[in-house]
């Protein structure tokens, strides 16, 4: 198995020059957003003393409270987005996130012939094709290496290192916040405690729904599907499953099964059909995906010719993401062009056929297991194992059923029938098992 951890090589050509001079002209950069990532980008630019990159503008709401003494001299601090868009900046670095107003600023910049560097995975997932076409039409460039996996060069690696292969499968940990939470829970911590710690460290927002609900990873998966599988899918077609239903007992049962629990984004292309999902899954402890801890991200691409390639590193936090942003800026400064990867519109139509882990919590009575196995049998789902740990009260008894590979639709029908039983204390938890 190959592993890529360093930055992808960049094609270097001649840089822009000042008319009538042989000297290189620095690329003038305007930052939109001076939060965790934006301040890290400014810090790197300030400390690098680059002769090809020059920070000229910083835009942020309430910018007075954001001012720092270490920023490069001459930087214009402003709350006026219009002024920055109409300035002489060559590149707008958009680090605000979300679809609006960030999307409007990006479009305005591209319309004006400026280039844009962004870490906005949601904007690229939903409107990336449109924005790339706009950039090409107006003579600018759109780069978004920081939109997936923080400082790990996944996107440059796909565009330049793996463009010659035919990628058939993507499996990865794409959200550092969820990986931090789940790996801490694997060590025995409770969800609420770890979430509060993640928020205190700046890994999770005050409203963590985008992360823990799987929406952040879904956007990133849609981007990777376009670049790796070469298909354009509506991110809304990918139905995420939240990690919030996973509890300490699931990690205990997972260990007994030789597994752990991680939020996995996966997409497969088989015989022209596509399947994709984002969900907490049981991962075999021998898998590289089980080794990823804390805020690390990891992505495994399986190519038809090249086999498995693994990218891993820190996927959350200001500095790793800022590294990807500055790398994109350096690529622009040296006239590096994105590799054009053709893609076609596609719909999800295939199903994953995998083993499942189903955890039930019941008010115990005779016949529960027989009723569950009967419903599964009607859907032609074979049981692999039934596991019940001692020490739990009969009125709130957790136990686990694992089943042989089956189609997702069959499992959904079975669970619809099982939910009608009168013994459940909470909704059954169904997790795919990544083998």
Foldseek 3Di string as FASTA:
>chain_A
DAEDADADDFDFAAFDPDPPDPDHQAQEEAEEDCPFQNVLLQVCCLVVPDRRHDYAEYEDVVQVVVDDPSGDPNHHYDPDLVCVLPDPHQEYEYEPEDCPPSVVSLLSNLQQQHAYEYLHLQCCLACVVVSQVSNVVSNYHYHHQLVWQFQWRPPSCLQPVVVPFQWFKKKKFTQLLQQQQQQVLLVPDWNVVSNVVCVVVVSAPPPRCCRQQCVSVLSNLQVCCCRRNVAHERSVLAHEHGPVVDGSVVSVVLVVVQWGKGFMWMWGADPNAIDTYTYIATEHCVDPNVVDHRQKMKMWIQTPPPGIYMIIDHRGTNNRNSNSRVVVSVSVSSVGDGRDRHHYYDHHDDWWFFKKKKKFWWLDDPPLVVVLVVLLVVLVWAWDDKAFDPDDDNHTGIIMIMTGGDTPVSVVSSLVVSVPDPTGPDRMDMHGYDD
